[in-house]
Amino acid sequence: MRFKNIFSFVATLLYIVKRFFSGRDVIADFNDIENRIQICRGCEHRSADTLKDMKCQLCECKVRYKVRLLSSECPDGRWISTDS
């Protein structure tokens, strides 16, 4: 994992913890998760076919975790954060 990715992961983790303890949602709704997964399945930057092994080659994130967070965004701009 590159330094930039580690920093991004830690920043996201801190944001999620802060949001959770303030009583706000951190998990996207089911339809958003499903839409994100479908977009990732059709992307040329994914590294595997199964969701369990699928990884984004741009940000090096595991897709099955990234699509679930409200604050997550596709590094290629294919889907955006649903965090309000």
PDB file of N, CA and C in Angstrom:
ATOM      1  N   MET A   1       0.842  -1.169   0.000  1.00  0.00           N
ATOM      2  CA  MET A   1       0.000   0.000   0.000  1.00  0.00           C
ATOM      3  C   MET A   1       0.896   1.244   0.000  1.00  0.00           C
ATOM      4  N   ARG A   2       0.596   2.171  -0.846  1.00  0.00           N
ATOM      5  CA  ARG A   2       1.377   3.399  -0.922  1.00  0.00           C
ATOM      6  C   ARG A   2       1.021   4.356   0.213  1.00  0.00           C
ATOM      7  N   PHE A   3       1.940   5.277   0.517  1.00  0.00           N
ATOM      8  CA  PHE A   3       1.734   6.246   1.592  1.00  0.00           C
ATOM      9  C   PHE A   3       0.453   7.034   1.390  1.00  0.00           C
ATOM     10  N   LYS A   4       0.186   7.461   0.160  1.00  0.00           N
ATOM     11  CA  LYS A   4      -1.026   8.220  -0.139  1.00  0.00           C
ATOM     12  C   LYS A   4      -2.269   7.411   0.209  1.00  0.00           C
ATOM     13  N   ASN A   5      -2.257   6.135  -0.110  1.00  0.00           N
ATOM     14  CA  ASN A   5      -3.398   5.271   0.179  1.00  0.00           C
ATOM     15  C   ASN A   5      -3.577   5.054   1.684  1.00  0.00           C
ATOM     16  N   ILE A   6      -2.473   4.928   2.394  1.00  0.00           N
ATOM     17  CA  ILE A   6      -2.546   4.755   3.844  1.00  0.00           C
ATOM     18  C   ILE A   6      -3.128   6.011   4.482  1.00  0.00           C
ATOM     19  N   PHE A   7      -2.654   7.167   4.056  1.00  0.00           N
ATOM     20  CA  PHE A   7      -3.167   8.434   4.579  1.00  0.00           C
ATOM     21  C   PHE A   7      -4.665   8.564   4.292  1.00  0.00           C
ATOM     22  N   SER A   8      -5.069   8.248   3.074  1.00  0.00           N
ATOM     23  CA  SER A   8      -6.475   8.326   2.688  1.00  0.00           C
ATOM     24  C   SER A   8      -7.319   7.376   3.534  1.00  0.00           C
ATOM     25  N   PHE A   9      -6.828   6.171   3.756  1.00  0.00           N
ATOM     26  CA  PHE A   9      -7.545   5.184   4.557  1.00  0.00           C
ATOM     27  C   PHE A   9      -7.724   5.675   5.995  1.00  0.00           C
ATOM     28  N   VAL A  10      -6.669   6.197   6.589  1.00  0.00           N
ATOM     29  CA  VAL A  10      -6.732   6.685   7.971  1.00  0.00           C
ATOM     30  C   VAL A  10      -7.685   7.882   8.063  1.00  0.00           C
ATOM     31  N   ALA A  11      -7.621   8.799   7.105  1.00  0.00           N
ATOM     32  CA  ALA A  11      -8.513   9.960   7.098  1.00  0.00           C
ATOM     33  C   ALA A  11      -9.967   9.515   6.989  1.00  0.00           C
ATOM     34  N   THR A  12     -10.239   8.549   6.126  1.00  0.00           N
ATOM     35  CA  THR A  12     -11.599   8.019   5.972  1.00  0.00           C
ATOM     36  C   THR A  12     -12.058   7.343   7.249  1.00  0.00           C
ATOM     37  N   LEU A  13     -11.196   6.571   7.848  1.00  0.00           N
ATOM     38  CA  LEU A  13     -11.527   5.874   9.086  1.00  0.00           C
ATOM     39  C   LEU A  13     -11.861   6.870  10.205  1.00  0.00           C
ATOM     40  N   LEU A  14     -11.074   7.912  10.349  1.00  0.00           N
ATOM     41  CA  LEU A  14     -11.345   8.929  11.365  1.00  0.00           C
ATOM     42  C   LEU A  14     -12.668   9.641  11.104  1.00  0.00           C
ATOM     43  N   TYR A  15     -12.937   9.944   9.846  1.00  0.00           N
ATOM     44  CA  TYR A  15     -14.194  10.596   9.475  1.00  0.00           C
ATOM     45  C   TYR A  15     -15.380   9.701   9.834  1.00  0.00           C
ATOM     46  N   ILE A  16     -15.270   8.419   9.545  1.00  0.00           N
ATOM     47  CA  ILE A  16     -16.352   7.477   9.823  1.00  0.00           C
ATOM     48  C   ILE A  16     -16.594   7.351  11.326  1.00  0.00           C
ATOM     49  N   VAL A  17     -15.524   7.252  12.095  1.00  0.00           N
ATOM     50  CA  VAL A  17     -15.655   7.140  13.551  1.00  0.00           C
ATOM     51  C   VAL A  17     -16.313   8.399  14.114  1.00  0.00           C
ATOM     52  N   LYS A  18     -15.866   9.564  13.666  1.00  0.00           N
ATOM     53  CA  LYS A  18     -16.443  10.831  14.122  1.00  0.00           C
ATOM     54  C   LYS A  18     -17.930  10.898  13.783  1.00  0.00           C
ATOM     55  N   ARG A  19     -18.263  10.519  12.569  1.00  0.00           N
ATOM     56  CA  ARG A  19     -19.652  10.550  12.117  1.00  0.00           C
ATOM     57  C   ARG A  19     -20.507   9.557  12.915  1.00  0.00           C
ATOM     58  N   PHE A  20     -19.976   8.374  13.160  1.00  0.00           N
ATOM     59  CA  PHE A  20     -20.691   7.349  13.911  1.00  0.00           C
ATOM     60  C   PHE A  20     -21.006   7.828  15.322  1.00  0.00           C
ATOM     61  N   PHE A  21     -20.007   8.399  15.998  1.00  0.00           N
ATOM     62  CA  PHE A  21     -20.215   8.848  17.376  1.00  0.00           C
ATOM     63  C   PHE A  21     -21.079  10.100  17.473  1.00  0.00           C
ATOM     64  N   SER A  22     -21.276  10.792  16.355  1.00  0.00           N
ATOM     65  CA  SER A  22     -22.194  11.935  16.376  1.00  0.00           C
ATOM     66  C   SER A  22     -23.619  11.495  16.043  1.00  0.00           C
ATOM     67  N   GLY A  23     -23.820  10.180  15.867  1.00  0.00           N
ATOM     68  CA  GLY A  23     -25.153   9.632  15.646  1.00  0.00           C
ATOM     69  C   GLY A  23     -25.622   9.651  14.200  1.00  0.00           C
ATOM     70  N   ARG A  24     -24.715   9.862  13.258  1.00  0.00           N
ATOM     71  CA  ARG A  24     -25.088   9.913  11.840  1.00  0.00           C
ATOM     72  C   ARG A  24     -24.746   8.586  11.159  1.00  0.00           C
ATOM     73  N   ASP A  25     -25.440   8.314  10.076  1.00  0.00           N
ATOM     74  CA  ASP A  25     -25.206   7.084   9.323  1.00  0.00           C
ATOM     75  C   ASP A  25     -23.831   7.096   8.667  1.00  0.00           C
ATOM     76  N   VAL A  26     -23.246   5.922   8.537  1.00  0.00           N
ATOM     77  CA  VAL A  26     -21.965   5.780   7.833  1.00  0.00           C
ATOM     78  C   VAL A  26     -22.066   4.780   6.684  1.00  0.00           C
ATOM     79  N   ILE A  27     -23.128   3.981   6.677  1.00  0.00           N
ATOM     80  CA  ILE A  27     -23.320   2.944   5.662  1.00  0.00           C
ATOM     81  C   ILE A  27     -24.345   3.420   4.634  1.00  0.00           C
ATOM     82  N   ALA A  28     -24.012   3.242   3.356  1.00  0.00           N
ATOM     83  CA  ALA A  28     -24.918   3.614   2.266  1.00  0.00           C
ATOM     84  C   ALA A  28     -26.126   2.687   2.268  1.00  0.00           C
ATOM     85  N   ASP A  29     -27.222   3.133   1.668  1.00  0.00           N
ATOM     86  CA  ASP A  29     -28.393   2.258   1.602  1.00  0.00           C
ATOM     87  C   ASP A  29     -28.183   1.168   0.545  1.00  0.00           C
ATOM     88  N   PHE A  30     -28.995   0.149   0.634  1.00  0.00           N
ATOM     89  CA  PHE A  30     -28.829  -1.053  -0.189  1.00  0.00           C
ATOM     90  C   PHE A  30     -28.796  -0.743  -1.688  1.00  0.00           C
ATOM     91  N   ASN A  31     -29.697   0.123  -2.152  1.00  0.00           N
ATOM     92  CA  ASN A  31     -29.747   0.435  -3.586  1.00  0.00           C
ATOM     93  C   ASN A  31     -28.479   1.125  -4.067  1.00  0.00           C
ATOM     94  N   ASP A  32     -27.941   2.042  -3.261  1.00  0.00           N
ATOM     95  CA  ASP A  32     -26.685   2.702  -3.627  1.00  0.00           C
ATOM     96  C   ASP A  32     -25.535   1.703  -3.692  1.00  0.00           C
ATOM     97  N   ILE A  33     -25.504   0.793  -2.734  1.00  0.00           N
ATOM     98  CA  ILE A  33     -24.450  -0.224  -2.716  1.00  0.00           C
ATOM     99  C   ILE A  33     -24.540  -1.090  -3.976  1.00  0.00           C
ATOM    100  N   GLU A  34     -25.736  -1.551  -4.299  1.00  0.00           N
ATOM    101  CA  GLU A  34     -25.925  -2.391  -5.485  1.00  0.00           C
ATOM    102  C   GLU A  34     -25.544  -1.651  -6.772  1.00  0.00           C
ATOM    103  N   ASN A  35     -25.928  -0.383  -6.882  1.00  0.00           N
ATOM    104  CA  ASN A  35     -25.580   0.405  -8.066  1.00  0.00           C
ATOM    105  C   ASN A  35     -24.070   0.570  -8.193  1.00  0.00           C
ATOM    106  N   ARG A  36     -23.412   0.836  -7.091  1.00  0.00           N
ATOM    107  CA  ARG A  36     -21.952   0.985  -7.103  1.00  0.00           C
ATOM    108  C   ARG A  36     -21.268  -0.309  -7.512  1.00  0.00           C
ATOM    109  N   ILE A  37     -21.749  -1.426  -6.990  1.00  0.00           N
ATOM    110  CA  ILE A  37     -21.157  -2.723  -7.340  1.00  0.00           C
ATOM    111  C   ILE A  37     -21.301  -2.982  -8.837  1.00  0.00           C
ATOM    112  N   GLN A  38     -22.465  -2.697  -9.386  1.00  0.00           N
ATOM    113  CA  GLN A  38     -22.676  -2.912 -10.824  1.00  0.00           C
ATOM    114  C   GLN A  38     -21.743  -2.033 -11.659  1.00  0.00           C
ATOM    115  N   ILE A  39     -21.542  -0.810 -11.235  1.00  0.00           N
ATOM    116  CA  ILE A  39     -20.620   0.073 -11.946  1.00  0.00           C
ATOM    117  C   ILE A  39     -19.205  -0.483 -11.870  1.00  0.00           C
ATOM    118  N   CYS A  40     -18.800  -0.934 -10.703  1.00  0.00           N
ATOM    119  CA  CYS A  40     -17.456  -1.493 -10.539  1.00  0.00           C
ATOM    120  C   CYS A  40     -17.269  -2.785 -11.336  1.00  0.00           C
ATOM    121  N   ARG A  41     -18.302  -3.603 -11.419  1.00  0.00           N
ATOM    122  CA  ARG A  41     -18.197  -4.843 -12.204  1.00  0.00           C
ATOM    123  C   ARG A  41     -17.926  -4.559 -13.677  1.00  0.00           C
ATOM    124  N   GLY A  42     -18.400  -3.421 -14.181  1.00  0.00           N
ATOM    125  CA  GLY A  42     -18.200  -3.063 -15.578  1.00  0.00           C
ATOM    126  C   GLY A  42     -16.960  -2.219 -15.832  1.00  0.00           C
ATOM    127  N   CYS A  43     -16.191  -1.963 -14.804  1.00  0.00           N
ATOM    128  CA  CYS A  43     -15.034  -1.073 -14.913  1.00  0.00           C
ATOM    129  C   CYS A  43     -13.776  -1.826 -15.333  1.00  0.00           C
ATOM    130  N   GLU A  44     -12.973  -1.178 -16.169  1.00  0.00           N
ATOM    131  CA  GLU A  44     -11.723  -1.797 -16.619  1.00  0.00           C
ATOM    132  C   GLU A  44     -10.617  -1.720 -15.562  1.00  0.00           C
ATOM    133  N   HIS A  45     -10.855  -0.993 -14.469  1.00  0.00           N
ATOM    134  CA  HIS A  45      -9.845  -0.842 -13.418  1.00  0.00           C
ATOM    135  C   HIS A  45     -10.001  -1.853 -12.279  1.00  0.00           C
ATOM    136  N   ARG A  46     -10.947  -2.777 -12.398  1.00  0.00           N
ATOM    137  CA  ARG A  46     -11.110  -3.790 -11.343  1.00  0.00           C
ATOM    138  C   ARG A  46     -10.130  -4.925 -11.590  1.00  0.00           C
ATOM    139  N   SER A  47      -9.734  -5.581 -10.525  1.00  0.00           N
ATOM    140  CA  SER A  47      -8.699  -6.602 -10.648  1.00  0.00           C
ATOM    141  C   SER A  47      -9.201  -8.035 -10.572  1.00  0.00           C
ATOM    142  N   ALA A  48     -10.479  -8.258 -10.289  1.00  0.00           N
ATOM    143  CA  ALA A  48     -11.014  -9.621 -10.194  1.00  0.00           C
ATOM    144  C   ALA A  48     -12.493  -9.613 -10.563  1.00  0.00           C
ATOM    145  N   ASP A  49     -13.038 -10.796 -10.812  1.00  0.00           N
ATOM    146  CA  ASP A  49     -14.443 -10.899 -11.191  1.00  0.00           C
ATOM    147  C   ASP A  49     -15.377 -11.074 -10.000  1.00  0.00           C
ATOM    148  N   THR A  50     -14.920 -11.740  -8.959  1.00  0.00           N
ATOM    149  CA  THR A  50     -15.783 -11.971  -7.800  1.00  0.00           C
ATOM    150  C   THR A  50     -15.690 -10.789  -6.839  1.00  0.00           C
ATOM    151  N   LEU A  51     -16.798 -10.440  -6.222  1.00  0.00           N
ATOM    152  CA  LEU A  51     -16.830  -9.309  -5.305  1.00  0.00           C
ATOM    153  C   LEU A  51     -15.863  -9.509  -4.143  1.00  0.00           C
ATOM    154  N   LYS A  52     -15.726 -10.742  -3.702  1.00  0.00           N
ATOM    155  CA  LYS A  52     -14.829 -11.047  -2.588  1.00  0.00           C
ATOM    156  C   LYS A  52     -13.391 -10.632  -2.904  1.00  0.00           C
ATOM    157  N   ASP A  53     -12.959 -10.825  -4.130  1.00  0.00           N
ATOM    158  CA  ASP A  53     -11.578 -10.552  -4.525  1.00  0.00           C
ATOM    159  C   ASP A  53     -11.399  -9.248  -5.297  1.00  0.00           C
ATOM    160  N   MET A  54     -12.507  -8.583  -5.646  1.00  0.00           N
ATOM    161  CA  MET A  54     -12.440  -7.395  -6.492  1.00  0.00           C
ATOM    162  C   MET A  54     -11.731  -6.246  -5.780  1.00  0.00           C
ATOM    163  N   LYS A  55     -10.792  -5.652  -6.492  1.00  0.00           N
ATOM    164  CA  LYS A  55     -10.013  -4.545  -5.969  1.00  0.00           C
ATOM    165  C   LYS A  55      -9.898  -3.478  -7.048  1.00  0.00           C
ATOM    166  N   CYS A  56      -9.978  -2.223  -6.659  1.00  0.00           N
ATOM    167  CA  CYS A  56      -9.808  -1.121  -7.599  1.00  0.00           C
ATOM    168  C   CYS A  56      -8.312  -0.928  -7.828  1.00  0.00           C
ATOM    169  N   GLN A  57      -7.894  -0.918  -9.075  1.00  0.00           N
ATOM    170  CA  GLN A  57      -6.481  -0.747  -9.386  1.00  0.00           C
ATOM    171  C   GLN A  57      -6.045   0.713  -9.287  1.00  0.00           C
ATOM    172  N   LEU A  58      -6.986   1.644  -9.243  1.00  0.00           N
ATOM    173  CA  LEU A  58      -6.631   3.064  -9.124  1.00  0.00           C
ATOM    174  C   LEU A  58      -6.331   3.455  -7.677  1.00  0.00           C
ATOM    175  N   CYS A  59      -7.205   3.060  -6.765  1.00  0.00           N
ATOM    176  CA  CYS A  59      -7.017   3.445  -5.358  1.00  0.00           C
ATOM    177  C   CYS A  59      -6.555   2.275  -4.496  1.00  0.00           C
ATOM    178  N   GLU A  60      -6.557   1.075  -5.046  1.00  0.00           N
ATOM    179  CA  GLU A  60      -6.138  -0.155  -4.376  1.00  0.00           C
ATOM    180  C   GLU A  60      -7.058  -0.563  -3.224  1.00  0.00           C
ATOM    181  N   CYS A  61      -8.291  -0.074  -3.241  1.00  0.00           N
ATOM    182  CA  CYS A  61      -9.267  -0.437  -2.207  1.00  0.00           C
ATOM    183  C   CYS A  61      -9.998  -1.721  -2.576  1.00  0.00           C
ATOM    184  N   LYS A  62     -10.415  -2.456  -1.556  1.00  0.00           N
ATOM    185  CA  LYS A  62     -11.293  -3.598  -1.758  1.00  0.00           C
ATOM    186  C   LYS A  62     -12.680  -3.044  -2.060  1.00  0.00           C
ATOM    187  N   VAL A  63     -13.219  -3.397  -3.202  1.00  0.00           N
ATOM    188  CA  VAL A  63     -14.496  -2.851  -3.651  1.00  0.00           C
ATOM    189  C   VAL A  63     -15.628  -3.209  -2.694  1.00  0.00           C
ATOM    190  N   ARG A  64     -15.623  -4.416  -2.168  1.00  0.00           N
ATOM    191  CA  ARG A  64     -16.739  -4.852  -1.309  1.00  0.00           C
ATOM    192  C   ARG A  64     -16.866  -4.001  -0.051  1.00  0.00           C
ATOM    193  N   TYR A  65     -15.796  -3.361   0.381  1.00  0.00           N
ATOM    194  CA  TYR A  65     -15.875  -2.477   1.543  1.00  0.00           C
ATOM    195  C   TYR A  65     -16.129  -1.029   1.123  1.00  0.00           C
ATOM    196  N   LYS A  66     -15.451  -0.604   0.080  1.00  0.00           N
ATOM    197  CA  LYS A  66     -15.540   0.789  -0.353  1.00  0.00           C
ATOM    198  C   LYS A  66     -16.959   1.187  -0.750  1.00  0.00           C
ATOM    199  N   VAL A  67     -17.676   0.319  -1.447  1.00  0.00           N
ATOM    200  CA  VAL A  67     -19.017   0.668  -1.929  1.00  0.00           C
ATOM    201  C   VAL A  67     -20.031   0.843  -0.800  1.00  0.00           C
ATOM    202  N   ARG A  68     -19.729   0.343   0.375  1.00  0.00           N
ATOM    203  CA  ARG A  68     -20.671   0.390   1.489  1.00  0.00           C
ATOM    204  C   ARG A  68     -20.656   1.709   2.270  1.00  0.00           C
ATOM    205  N   LEU A  69     -19.599   2.491   2.124  1.00  0.00           N
ATOM    206  CA  LEU A  69     -19.468   3.710   2.914  1.00  0.00           C
ATOM    207  C   LEU A  69     -20.103   4.905   2.212  1.00  0.00           C
ATOM    208  N   LEU A  70     -20.903   5.660   2.953  1.00  0.00           N
ATOM    209  CA  LEU A  70     -21.550   6.849   2.404  1.00  0.00           C
ATOM    210  C   LEU A  70     -20.529   7.828   1.825  1.00  0.00           C
ATOM    211  N   SER A  71     -19.412   7.977   2.483  1.00  0.00           N
ATOM    212  CA  SER A  71     -18.441   8.992   2.099  1.00  0.00           C
ATOM    213  C   SER A  71     -17.499   8.552   0.976  1.00  0.00           C
ATOM    214  N   SER A  72     -17.576   7.312   0.537  1.00  0.00           N
ATOM    215  CA  SER A  72     -16.685   6.822  -0.514  1.00  0.00           C
ATOM    216  C   SER A  72     -17.045   7.377  -1.875  1.00  0.00           C
ATOM    217  N   GLU A  73     -16.022   7.525  -2.703  1.00  0.00           N
ATOM    218  CA  GLU A  73     -16.189   7.960  -4.086  1.00  0.00           C
ATOM    219  C   GLU A  73     -15.312   7.107  -4.983  1.00  0.00           C
ATOM    220  N   CYS A  74     -15.721   6.946  -6.211  1.00  0.00           N
ATOM    221  CA  CYS A  74     -14.907   6.262  -7.201  1.00  0.00           C
ATOM    222  C   CYS A  74     -13.772   7.204  -7.607  1.00  0.00           C
ATOM    223  N   PRO A  75     -12.531   6.725  -7.620  1.00  0.00           N
ATOM    224  CA  PRO A  75     -11.417   7.593  -8.008  1.00  0.00           C
ATOM    225  C   PRO A  75     -11.457   8.004  -9.483  1.00  0.00           C
ATOM    226  N   ASP A  76     -12.271   7.309 -10.268  1.00  0.00           N
ATOM    227  CA  ASP A  76     -12.409   7.629 -11.690  1.00  0.00           C
ATOM    228  C   ASP A  76     -13.678   8.450 -11.956  1.00  0.00           C
ATOM    229  N   GLY A  77     -14.421   8.783 -10.897  1.00  0.00           N
ATOM    230  CA  GLY A  77     -15.611   9.612 -11.012  1.00  0.00           C
ATOM    231  C   GLY A  77     -16.844   8.903 -11.534  1.00  0.00           C
ATOM    232  N   ARG A  78     -16.882   7.592 -11.458  1.00  0.00           N
ATOM    233  CA  ARG A  78     -18.018   6.824 -11.979  1.00  0.00           C
ATOM    234  C   ARG A  78     -19.205   6.821 -11.021  1.00  0.00           C
ATOM    235  N   TRP A  79     -18.946   6.965  -9.725  1.00  0.00           N
ATOM    236  CA  TRP A  79     -19.995   7.152  -8.730  1.00  0.00           C
ATOM    237  C   TRP A  79     -19.452   8.072  -7.647  1.00  0.00           C
ATOM    238  N   ILE A  80     -20.378   8.789  -7.010  1.00  0.00           N
ATOM    239  CA  ILE A  80     -19.971   9.802  -6.033  1.00  0.00           C
ATOM    240  C   ILE A  80     -20.464   9.457  -4.634  1.00  0.00           C
ATOM    241  N   SER A  81     -19.962  10.199  -3.677  1.00  0.00           N
ATOM    242  CA  SER A  81     -20.375  10.054  -2.294  1.00  0.00           C
ATOM    243  C   SER A  81     -21.867  10.381  -2.175  1.00  0.00           C
ATOM    244  N   THR A  82     -22.561   9.642  -1.331  1.00  0.00           N
ATOM    245  CA  THR A  82     -23.966   9.949  -1.048  1.00  0.00           C
ATOM    246  C   THR A  82     -24.092  10.555   0.337  1.00  0.00           C
ATOM    247  N   ASP A  83     -22.972  10.987   0.875  1.00  0.00           N
ATOM    248  CA  ASP A  83     -22.908  11.617   2.187  1.00  0.00           C
ATOM    249  C   ASP A  83     -23.519  13.015   2.100  1.00  0.00           C
ATOM    250  N   SER A  84     -24.441  13.300   2.985  1.00  0.00           N
ATOM    251  CA  SER A  84     -25.082  14.629   2.954  1.00  0.00           C
ATOM    252  C   SER A  84     -24.701  15.465   4.139  1.00  0.00           C
TER     253      SER A  84
END
